[in-house]
């Protein structure tokens, strides 16, 4: 599709006029209607309107403007509904082409955000089919954003007016009550003096109660500080114990593996099959135990020896984590796609381990076809960053979504898929240390998507 006759400067001028126009509206219902009219009048659209989800999950179309009934029906067709659901779920714009009277029409679907979530979709139709330039899409996105911002503002102003009216009523009611009280006091000066004396006695009683309560609170605060210090010492001792134990236990395990290997090499001619199997199992068990100790050591390091938070490039760290994984002798090279991601304040080393564990988990549970991992992120305002790690692996039943983050929990036999069951536990520990959260959405046979929410900036008081 050819671009509109507007130049970039003309688009900017039209957008400024649109913003000024919307600023003069007084209800959010006016915004829906007038933006649809503006798209037809100033931006060369043939049809326009909006869609939003109803409580029952169906899609509701409103304020649709189209030249004829066929165009209007197409604007709310099943194909458009499917694209609307996709935009509502992903928060990204969509472009599709549909036929009207054997002529293709191009429709642009843009997310409208209310209260930091996609609550509606703006529909813009053009009479011709073909690609739409990025400049035009950027203008449309800006208008969709302006619609959400304007509606949020008008809703806030309405709530503010209602609150102000309520406060005025409260002030008026309270003023009437105070007037009646004052008149009553003037008529009953004697009772007032008695009440004042009672008030003095009550105040003295309250002061005594406050002193007692203050002493009790002081004692409770002291006990709380003592208990907190004790917990801190216990946590530190547990971390030191895990660190030392994992190191001290490595040595006997290495000796077990060494002596078993020596026995297999030197005594193989005189050994029976049962003896060799027993030694093989001992070597395998010792190897699993060493891996388990290494994972426990990494788990203790998350809080035992953290690095200070600083600004990090998430895309760079994800790329470094992906470079660790190469194709095996019997497995195809993994396809790891990493989109642009923002900078956030974090512990760089722990972010690297987080991505390595998630990518390794995705590649481990591949379904036999070429592994594919997609990593992307988006900002929720300037407060939170959501990171998505999606794979095409074997997936799992959603009922196990919480179980896989617990220590040593496995959904599969270790003979089929290796590991100790600590990788995702370490991931959760890292995320929680950064004040964030991690969850997973999956379906058996259809891969899994891990969703990590992290703050963009960290508190000056870092977690221990």
Protein backbone atom coordinates (compact mmCIF):
# COMPACT_ATOMS: atom_id res chain seq x y z
CA UNK A 1 0.00 0.00 0.00
CA UNK A 2 1.32 3.46 -0.84
CA UNK A 3 1.84 5.85 2.04
CA UNK A 4 -0.61 8.63 2.64
CA UNK A 5 -0.11 11.93 0.94
CA UNK A 6 1.12 13.35 4.24
CA UNK A 7 4.82 14.01 4.71
CA UNK A 8 6.56 13.31 8.03
CA UNK A 9 6.13 16.97 8.96
CA UNK A 10 2.47 16.84 8.01
CA UNK A 11 2.00 13.70 10.12
CA UNK A 12 3.65 15.45 13.07
CA UNK A 13 1.42 18.48 12.59
CA UNK A 14 -1.68 16.26 12.34
CA UNK A 15 -0.63 14.34 15.47
CA UNK A 16 -0.17 17.59 17.42
CA UNK A 17 -3.62 18.76 16.32
CA UNK A 18 -5.02 15.37 17.38
CA UNK A 19 -3.44 15.70 20.83
CA UNK A 20 -4.82 19.24 21.25
CA UNK A 21 -8.23 18.07 20.13
CA UNK A 22 -8.32 15.13 22.54
CA UNK A 23 -7.23 17.40 25.40
CA UNK A 24 -10.50 19.31 24.99
CA UNK A 25 -12.73 16.23 25.44
CA UNK A 26 -14.48 15.67 28.75
CA UNK A 27 -15.55 12.00 28.76
CA UNK A 28 -13.65 8.85 27.81
CA UNK A 29 -16.54 7.68 25.59
CA UNK A 30 -15.93 10.80 23.47
CA UNK A 31 -12.32 9.67 22.98
CA UNK A 32 -13.34 6.39 21.34
CA UNK A 33 -15.75 8.13 18.95
CA UNK A 34 -13.56 11.08 18.01
CA UNK A 35 -10.34 9.11 17.46
CA UNK A 36 -12.19 6.85 15.00
CA UNK A 37 -13.42 9.98 13.18
CA UNK A 38 -9.92 11.54 13.25
CA UNK A 39 -8.39 8.42 11.64
CA UNK A 40 -10.78 8.78 8.71
CA UNK A 41 -10.51 12.55 8.45
CA UNK A 42 -6.80 13.25 8.93
CA UNK A 43 -4.90 10.01 8.33
CA UNK A 44 -6.40 8.61 5.15
CA UNK A 45 -8.02 5.54 6.74
CA UNK A 46 -11.07 4.02 5.07
CA UNK A 47 -12.48 2.48 8.26
CA UNK A 48 -11.71 2.64 11.95
CA UNK A 49 -12.97 1.51 15.33
CA UNK A 50 -12.10 -0.27 18.56
CA UNK A 51 -12.39 -3.69 20.20
CA UNK A 52 -12.16 -4.79 23.82
CA UNK A 53 -12.69 -8.03 25.79
CA UNK A 54 -15.97 -8.58 27.61
CA UNK A 55 -16.31 -10.20 31.03
CA UNK A 56 -17.42 -13.47 29.38
CA UNK A 57 -14.24 -13.56 27.25
CA UNK A 58 -15.88 -12.58 23.95
CA UNK A 59 -14.63 -9.66 21.86
CA UNK A 60 -16.81 -6.54 21.81
CA UNK A 61 -16.49 -4.05 18.91
CA UNK A 62 -17.54 -0.45 19.40
CA UNK A 63 -17.46 2.95 17.66
CA UNK A 64 -16.90 1.34 14.24
CA UNK A 65 -16.84 3.71 11.25
CA UNK A 66 -16.93 2.21 7.74
CA UNK A 67 -18.25 3.35 4.31
CA UNK A 68 -20.63 0.38 3.83
CA UNK A 69 -22.14 -2.64 5.59
CA UNK A 70 -19.67 -5.08 4.02
CA UNK A 71 -16.69 -3.09 5.27
CA UNK A 72 -18.32 -2.79 8.69
CA UNK A 73 -18.93 -6.54 8.80
CA UNK A 74 -15.34 -7.22 7.78
CA UNK A 75 -14.10 -4.86 10.49
CA UNK A 76 -15.65 -7.17 13.10
CA UNK A 77 -15.12 -10.47 11.25
CA UNK A 78 -13.78 -13.70 12.74
CA UNK A 79 -10.35 -13.11 11.19
CA UNK A 80 -10.17 -9.69 12.81
CA UNK A 81 -11.33 -11.18 16.14
CA UNK A 82 -8.44 -13.68 16.08
CA UNK A 83 -5.95 -10.87 15.45
CA UNK A 84 -7.55 -8.80 18.24
CA UNK A 85 -7.06 -11.66 20.71
CA UNK A 86 -3.42 -11.93 19.68
CA UNK A 87 -2.82 -8.20 20.23
CA UNK A 88 -4.59 -8.34 23.63
CA UNK A 89 -2.43 -11.29 24.70
CA UNK A 90 0.95 -10.05 23.40
CA UNK A 91 0.62 -6.28 23.59
CA UNK A 92 2.15 -5.98 20.08
CA UNK A 93 0.54 -4.48 16.97
CA UNK A 94 -0.64 -6.72 14.10
CA UNK A 95 -1.21 -6.11 10.37
CA UNK A 96 -3.49 -8.31 8.24
CA UNK A 97 -5.10 -8.22 4.79
CA UNK A 98 -8.69 -9.35 4.08
CA UNK A 99 -10.87 -9.38 0.96
CA UNK A 100 -13.94 -7.17 0.37
CA UNK A 101 -15.75 -7.67 -2.94
CA UNK A 102 -12.62 -9.42 -4.29
CA UNK A 103 -10.48 -6.45 -3.25
CA UNK A 104 -7.89 -6.75 -0.51
CA UNK A 105 -8.05 -4.37 2.44
CA UNK A 106 -5.22 -3.83 4.92
CA UNK A 107 -6.06 -3.59 8.61
CA UNK A 108 -3.72 -2.39 11.35
CA UNK A 109 -4.52 -3.50 14.92
CA UNK A 110 -2.83 -1.45 17.66
CA UNK A 111 -2.80 -2.08 21.44
CA UNK A 112 -4.48 0.50 23.71
CA UNK A 113 -3.08 0.39 27.26
CA UNK A 114 -5.17 1.32 30.30
CA UNK A 115 -3.56 1.13 33.76
CA UNK A 116 -0.37 -0.41 32.27
CA UNK A 117 -2.10 -3.33 30.56
CA UNK A 118 -3.55 -3.90 27.10
CA UNK A 119 -7.27 -3.31 27.58
CA UNK A 120 -8.35 -2.55 24.03
CA UNK A 121 -7.35 -2.61 20.35
CA UNK A 122 -7.59 0.25 17.83
CA UNK A 123 -8.58 -0.91 14.31
CA UNK A 124 -7.52 1.08 11.23
CA UNK A 125 -8.48 -0.12 7.73
CA UNK A 126 -7.08 0.99 4.37
CA UNK A 127 -8.65 0.51 0.97
CA UNK A 128 -5.54 -1.00 -0.63
CA UNK A 129 -3.39 -4.01 0.28
CA UNK A 130 0.33 -3.92 0.80
CA UNK A 131 3.06 -2.99 3.23
CA UNK A 132 2.59 -0.03 5.55
CA UNK A 133 5.65 2.07 6.28
CA UNK A 134 7.21 2.16 9.73
CA UNK A 135 6.62 5.92 9.86
CA UNK A 136 2.86 5.43 9.48
CA UNK A 137 2.84 2.57 12.00
CA UNK A 138 4.74 4.73 14.50
CA UNK A 139 2.15 7.49 14.12
CA UNK A 140 -0.69 4.98 14.61
CA UNK A 141 1.04 3.56 17.69
CA UNK A 142 1.44 7.08 19.07
CA UNK A 143 -2.27 7.76 18.55
CA UNK A 144 -3.21 4.47 20.26
CA UNK A 145 -0.97 5.41 23.17
CA UNK A 146 -2.49 8.89 23.23
CA UNK A 147 -5.96 7.33 23.37
CA UNK A 148 -5.02 5.21 26.41
CA UNK A 149 -3.33 8.16 28.14
CA UNK A 150 -6.30 10.46 27.51
CA UNK A 151 -8.83 7.89 28.75
CA UNK A 152 -6.77 7.24 31.89
CA UNK A 153 -6.60 11.00 32.50
CA UNK A 154 -10.34 11.50 32.06
CA UNK A 155 -11.14 8.55 34.34
CA UNK A 156 -8.76 9.96 36.96
CA UNK A 157 -10.32 13.41 36.66
CA UNK A 158 -13.80 11.92 37.08
CA UNK A 159 -12.71 10.04 40.18
CA UNK A 160 -11.06 13.21 41.51
CA UNK A 161 -14.26 15.22 41.01
CA UNK A 162 -16.29 12.55 42.80
CA UNK A 163 -13.77 12.50 45.64
CA UNK A 164 -13.79 16.30 45.90
CA UNK A 165 -17.60 16.33 45.97
CA UNK A 166 -17.57 13.69 48.69
CA UNK A 167 -15.08 15.71 50.72
CA UNK A 168 -17.17 18.85 50.35
CA UNK A 169 -20.21 16.97 51.63
CA UNK A 170 -18.22 15.63 54.56
CA UNK A 171 -16.99 19.15 55.39
CA UNK A 172 -20.53 20.53 55.18
CA UNK A 173 -21.92 17.75 57.39
CA UNK A 174 -19.10 18.18 59.87
CA UNK A 175 -19.61 21.95 59.96
CA UNK A 176 -23.29 21.47 60.79
CA UNK A 177 -22.42 19.04 63.55
CA UNK A 178 -19.84 21.44 65.01
CA UNK A 179 -22.33 24.32 64.93
CA UNK A 180 -24.89 22.27 66.85
CA UNK A 181 -22.22 21.25 69.34
CA UNK A 182 -21.11 24.83 69.86
CA UNK A 183 -24.69 26.01 70.51
CA UNK A 184 -25.18 23.18 72.96
CA UNK A 185 -21.99 24.11 74.81
CA UNK A 186 -23.08 27.72 75.12
CA UNK A 187 -26.34 26.64 76.75
CA UNK A 188 -24.74 24.17 79.11
CA UNK A 189 -21.64 25.88 80.46
CA UNK A 190 -21.83 24.02 83.76
CA UNK A 191 -21.90 20.63 82.09
CA UNK A 192 -19.02 21.81 79.92
CA UNK A 193 -16.89 22.53 82.98
CA UNK A 194 -17.67 19.10 84.38
CA UNK A 195 -16.83 17.51 81.07
CA UNK A 196 -13.54 19.43 80.98
CA UNK A 197 -12.63 18.08 84.39
CA UNK A 198 -13.48 14.56 83.29
CA UNK A 199 -11.37 15.13 80.17
CA UNK A 200 -8.38 16.12 82.29
CA UNK A 201 -8.74 12.97 84.35
CA UNK A 202 -9.07 10.89 81.19
CA UNK A 203 -5.97 12.56 79.69
CA UNK A 204 -3.96 11.72 82.80
CA UNK A 205 -5.15 8.13 82.52
CA UNK A 206 -4.16 8.02 78.84
CA UNK A 207 -0.69 9.34 79.64
CA UNK A 208 -0.24 6.52 82.13
CA UNK A 209 -1.38 4.00 79.53
CA UNK A 210 0.98 5.50 76.92
CA UNK A 211 3.93 5.22 79.29
CA UNK A 212 3.10 1.57 80.00
CA UNK A 213 2.63 0.82 76.30
CA UNK A 214 5.87 2.59 75.42
CA UNK A 215 7.76 0.46 77.91
CA UNK A 216 6.15 -2.70 76.49
CA UNK A 217 7.00 -1.68 72.92
CA UNK A 218 10.59 -0.93 73.92
CA UNK A 219 10.92 -4.38 75.43
CA UNK A 220 9.31 -5.99 72.35
CA UNK A 221 11.61 -4.08 69.99
CA UNK A 222 14.64 -5.22 71.96
CA UNK A 223 13.48 -8.84 71.79
CA UNK A 224 12.81 -8.44 68.05
CA UNK A 225 16.29 -7.04 67.39
CA UNK A 226 17.81 -9.87 69.40
CA UNK A 227 15.79 -12.46 67.49
CA UNK A 228 16.66 -10.82 64.15
CA UNK A 229 20.36 -10.85 64.98
CA UNK A 230 20.07 -14.51 65.95
CA UNK A 231 18.35 -15.38 62.67
CA UNK A 232 21.04 -13.50 60.74
CA UNK A 233 23.76 -15.49 62.53
CA UNK A 234 21.92 -18.76 61.87
CA UNK A 235 21.53 -17.92 58.16
CA UNK A 236 25.20 -17.01 57.92
CA UNK A 237 26.20 -20.23 59.66
CA UNK A 238 23.97 -22.27 57.33
CA UNK A 239 25.48 -20.59 54.26
CA UNK A 240 29.01 -21.21 55.58
CA UNK A 241 28.09 -24.81 56.38
CA UNK A 242 26.74 -25.42 52.86
CA UNK A 243 29.86 -23.85 51.35
CA UNK A 244 32.32 -25.81 53.53
CA UNK A 245 30.37 -29.07 53.36
CA UNK A 246 30.21 -28.97 49.57
CA UNK A 247 34.00 -28.47 49.42
CA UNK A 248 34.86 -31.05 52.10
CA UNK A 249 32.62 -33.71 50.59
CA UNK A 250 34.18 -33.31 47.15
CA UNK A 251 37.45 -34.92 48.21
CA UNK A 252 36.08 -38.34 49.35
CA UNK A 253 33.88 -38.43 46.25
CA UNK A 254 36.91 -37.84 44.02
CA UNK A 255 38.70 -40.69 45.81
CA UNK A 256 35.71 -42.98 45.38
CA UNK A 257 35.64 -42.25 41.62
CA UNK A 258 39.44 -42.64 41.34
CA UNK A 259 39.58 -45.99 43.14
CA UNK A 260 36.57 -47.31 41.24
CA UNK A 261 38.19 -46.29 37.93
CA UNK A 262 41.45 -47.98 39.01
CA UNK A 263 39.57 -51.14 39.99
CA UNK A 264 37.80 -51.20 36.61
CA UNK A 265 41.07 -50.77 34.70
CA UNK A 266 43.36 -53.02 36.71
CA UNK A 267 40.99 -55.76 37.82
CA UNK A 268 38.81 -56.00 34.73
CA UNK A 269 40.26 -59.42 33.61
CA UNK A 270 39.32 -61.12 36.89
CA UNK A 271 36.00 -59.34 37.45
CA UNK A 272 32.64 -60.77 36.69
CA UNK A 273 29.91 -58.80 34.94
CA UNK A 274 28.13 -58.18 38.26
CA UNK A 275 31.25 -56.68 39.82
CA UNK A 276 31.79 -54.35 36.84
CA UNK A 277 28.15 -53.26 36.97
CA UNK A 278 28.46 -52.51 40.68
CA UNK A 279 31.58 -50.39 40.10
CA UNK A 280 29.95 -48.60 37.15
CA UNK A 281 26.97 -47.74 39.35
CA UNK A 282 29.29 -46.53 42.11
CA UNK A 283 31.14 -44.25 39.66
CA UNK A 284 27.84 -42.95 38.26
CA UNK A 285 26.43 -42.32 41.75
CA UNK A 286 29.60 -40.52 42.82
CA UNK A 287 29.40 -38.33 39.71
CA UNK A 288 25.78 -37.43 40.44
CA UNK A 289 26.71 -36.64 44.04
CA UNK A 290 29.53 -34.31 42.88
CA UNK A 291 27.13 -32.55 40.54
CA UNK A 292 24.63 -32.21 43.38
CA UNK A 293 27.30 -30.72 45.66
CA UNK A 294 28.32 -28.27 42.93
CA UNK A 295 24.69 -27.20 42.56
CA UNK A 296 24.35 -26.78 46.34
CA UNK A 297 27.51 -24.68 46.31
CA UNK A 298 26.08 -22.46 43.56
CA UNK A 299 22.82 -22.18 45.50
CA UNK A 300 24.64 -21.02 48.65
CA UNK A 301 26.70 -18.50 46.65
CA UNK A 302 23.55 -16.63 45.55
CA UNK A 303 23.32 -14.95 48.96
CA UNK A 304 26.67 -15.88 50.54
CA UNK A 305 28.88 -13.87 48.16
CA UNK A 306 26.76 -11.57 45.96
CA UNK A 307 28.20 -8.86 43.75
CA UNK A 308 26.88 -5.28 44.02
CA UNK A 309 24.06 -4.25 41.71
CA UNK A 310 24.97 -2.16 38.67
CA UNK A 311 23.53 -1.31 35.26
CA UNK A 312 23.78 -4.37 32.99
CA UNK A 313 22.94 -5.02 29.34
CA UNK A 314 20.52 -7.98 29.41
CA UNK A 315 20.92 -8.74 25.69
CA UNK A 316 24.72 -8.90 26.01
CA UNK A 317 24.50 -11.22 29.03
CA UNK A 318 21.94 -13.48 27.30
CA UNK A 319 24.24 -13.65 24.25
CA UNK A 320 27.20 -14.66 26.44
CA UNK A 321 25.07 -17.34 28.09
CA UNK A 322 23.92 -18.67 24.69
CA UNK A 323 27.51 -18.88 23.38
CA UNK A 324 28.26 -21.54 26.00
CA UNK A 325 25.95 -24.04 24.30
CA UNK A 326 27.11 -25.71 21.10
CA UNK A 327 25.79 -28.58 19.03
CA UNK A 328 26.54 -32.06 20.41
CA UNK A 329 27.79 -34.96 18.28
CA UNK A 330 24.28 -36.35 17.90
CA UNK A 331 22.16 -33.23 18.32
CA UNK A 332 21.42 -30.41 15.85
CA UNK A 333 22.78 -26.93 16.54
CA UNK A 334 20.34 -25.04 18.76
CA UNK A 335 18.62 -21.96 17.36
CA UNK A 336 18.79 -19.28 20.05
CA UNK A 337 17.08 -16.00 19.12
CA UNK A 338 17.71 -12.98 21.36
CA UNK A 339 15.72 -9.77 20.83
CA UNK A 340 16.65 -6.28 22.01
CA UNK A 341 16.35 -6.00 25.77
CA UNK A 342 16.67 -3.02 28.14
CA UNK A 343 19.39 -2.26 30.70
CA UNK A 344 18.49 -2.88 34.36
CA UNK A 345 20.30 -2.78 37.69
CA UNK A 346 21.38 -6.31 38.63
CA UNK A 347 24.20 -8.64 39.65
CA UNK A 348 25.85 -9.39 36.28
CA UNK A 349 27.31 -12.77 37.30
CA UNK A 350 23.99 -13.99 38.67
CA UNK A 351 22.11 -12.79 35.57
CA UNK A 352 24.57 -14.81 33.44
CA UNK A 353 23.90 -17.94 35.52
CA UNK A 354 20.14 -17.30 35.32
CA UNK A 355 20.20 -17.25 31.50
CA UNK A 356 22.60 -20.23 31.35
CA UNK A 357 20.31 -22.34 33.54
CA UNK A 358 17.16 -21.41 31.59
CA UNK A 359 18.78 -21.99 28.17
CA UNK A 360 20.36 -25.25 29.37
CA UNK A 361 17.00 -26.39 30.73
CA UNK A 362 15.33 -25.62 27.38
CA UNK A 363 17.99 -27.52 25.39
CA UNK A 364 17.95 -30.50 27.78
CA UNK A 365 14.22 -31.08 27.38
CA UNK A 366 14.09 -30.75 23.59
CA UNK A 367 11.66 -32.96 21.68
CA UNK A 368 14.08 -34.45 19.14
CA UNK A 369 13.72 -31.70 16.56
CA UNK A 370 16.09 -28.76 16.28
CA UNK A 371 15.98 -26.93 19.61
CA UNK A 372 14.73 -23.34 19.39
CA UNK A 373 14.90 -20.82 22.22
CA UNK A 374 13.49 -17.28 21.97
CA UNK A 375 14.54 -14.67 24.55
CA UNK A 376 12.90 -11.23 24.66
CA UNK A 377 11.86 -8.61 27.20
CA UNK A 378 9.58 -5.62 27.65
CA UNK A 379 9.34 -2.74 30.11
CA UNK A 380 6.23 -2.12 32.20
CA UNK A 381 6.64 1.64 32.48
CA UNK A 382 10.01 2.38 34.07
CA UNK A 383 9.37 0.15 37.07
CA UNK A 384 9.47 -3.52 36.01
CA UNK A 385 11.10 -5.50 33.22
CA UNK A 386 9.47 -8.74 32.04
CA UNK A 387 11.83 -11.30 30.46
CA UNK A 388 10.43 -14.18 28.38
CA UNK A 389 12.40 -17.39 27.65
CA UNK A 390 10.38 -19.61 25.32
CA UNK A 391 11.35 -23.04 23.93
CA UNK A 392 9.88 -25.68 21.63
CA UNK A 393 10.66 -28.62 23.90
CA UNK A 394 8.56 -31.39 25.41
CA UNK A 395 6.76 -29.10 27.86
CA UNK A 396 4.83 -30.43 30.85
CA UNK A 397 1.40 -30.32 32.51
CA UNK A 398 0.69 -26.88 34.03
CA UNK A 399 -0.19 -28.48 37.36
CA UNK A 400 3.56 -29.02 37.91
CA UNK A 401 4.44 -25.34 37.25
CA UNK A 402 5.29 -24.66 40.91
CA UNK A 403 6.83 -28.06 41.72
CA UNK A 404 9.75 -27.68 39.26
CA UNK A 405 11.17 -24.70 41.21
CA UNK A 406 11.53 -26.73 44.44
CA UNK A 407 14.93 -28.28 45.33
CA UNK A 408 15.66 -31.79 43.94
CA UNK A 409 12.23 -32.05 42.27
CA UNK A 410 12.22 -33.83 38.90
CA UNK A 411 9.40 -34.67 36.50
CA UNK A 412 11.38 -37.29 34.57
CA UNK A 413 13.65 -40.24 35.33
CA UNK A 414 17.33 -39.25 35.52
CA UNK A 415 18.16 -42.02 33.02
CA UNK A 416 16.15 -40.12 30.39
CA UNK A 417 17.04 -36.52 31.34
CA UNK A 418 20.08 -35.82 33.51
CA UNK A 419 20.51 -33.20 36.20
CA UNK A 420 20.02 -32.82 39.94
CA UNK A 421 16.78 -30.82 40.08
CA UNK A 422 18.55 -27.70 41.42
CA UNK A 423 18.87 -25.57 38.26
CA UNK A 424 15.45 -23.90 38.44
CA UNK A 425 15.73 -23.63 42.23
CA UNK A 426 18.89 -21.56 41.74
CA UNK A 427 17.04 -19.45 39.14
CA UNK A 428 14.26 -18.64 41.64
CA UNK A 429 16.84 -17.82 44.34
CA UNK A 430 18.61 -15.38 41.98
CA UNK A 431 15.35 -13.72 40.93
CA UNK A 432 14.12 -13.35 44.51
CA UNK A 433 17.46 -11.89 45.55
CA UNK A 434 16.81 -9.19 42.93
CA UNK A 435 13.32 -8.49 44.33
CA UNK A 436 11.56 -10.16 41.39
CA UNK A 437 9.45 -13.22 40.57
CA UNK A 438 9.60 -16.15 38.15
CA UNK A 439 6.84 -18.36 36.80
CA UNK A 440 6.31 -20.73 33.87
CA UNK A 441 3.52 -21.44 31.43
CA UNK A 442 3.57 -24.78 29.62
CA UNK A 443 1.56 -27.50 27.97
CA UNK A 444 2.68 -31.08 27.44
CA UNK A 445 4.27 -31.44 24.00
CA UNK A 446 4.10 -27.70 23.24
CA UNK A 447 7.17 -26.25 24.93
CA UNK A 448 7.39 -23.91 27.89
CA UNK A 449 7.68 -20.15 28.49
CA UNK A 450 9.49 -18.85 31.58
CA UNK A 451 8.43 -15.34 32.61
CA UNK A 452 10.76 -13.37 34.88
CA UNK A 453 9.73 -10.01 36.35
CA UNK A 454 12.59 -7.86 37.71
CA UNK A 455 12.69 -4.27 38.96
CA UNK A 456 14.46 -1.84 36.61
CA UNK A 457 16.26 -0.17 39.51
CA UNK A 458 17.24 -1.73 42.81
CA UNK A 459 16.85 -0.36 46.31
CA UNK A 460 20.02 1.15 47.69
CA UNK A 461 19.90 -1.46 50.47
CA UNK A 462 20.84 -4.64 48.63
CA UNK A 463 19.52 -8.02 49.63
CA UNK A 464 21.91 -10.17 51.62
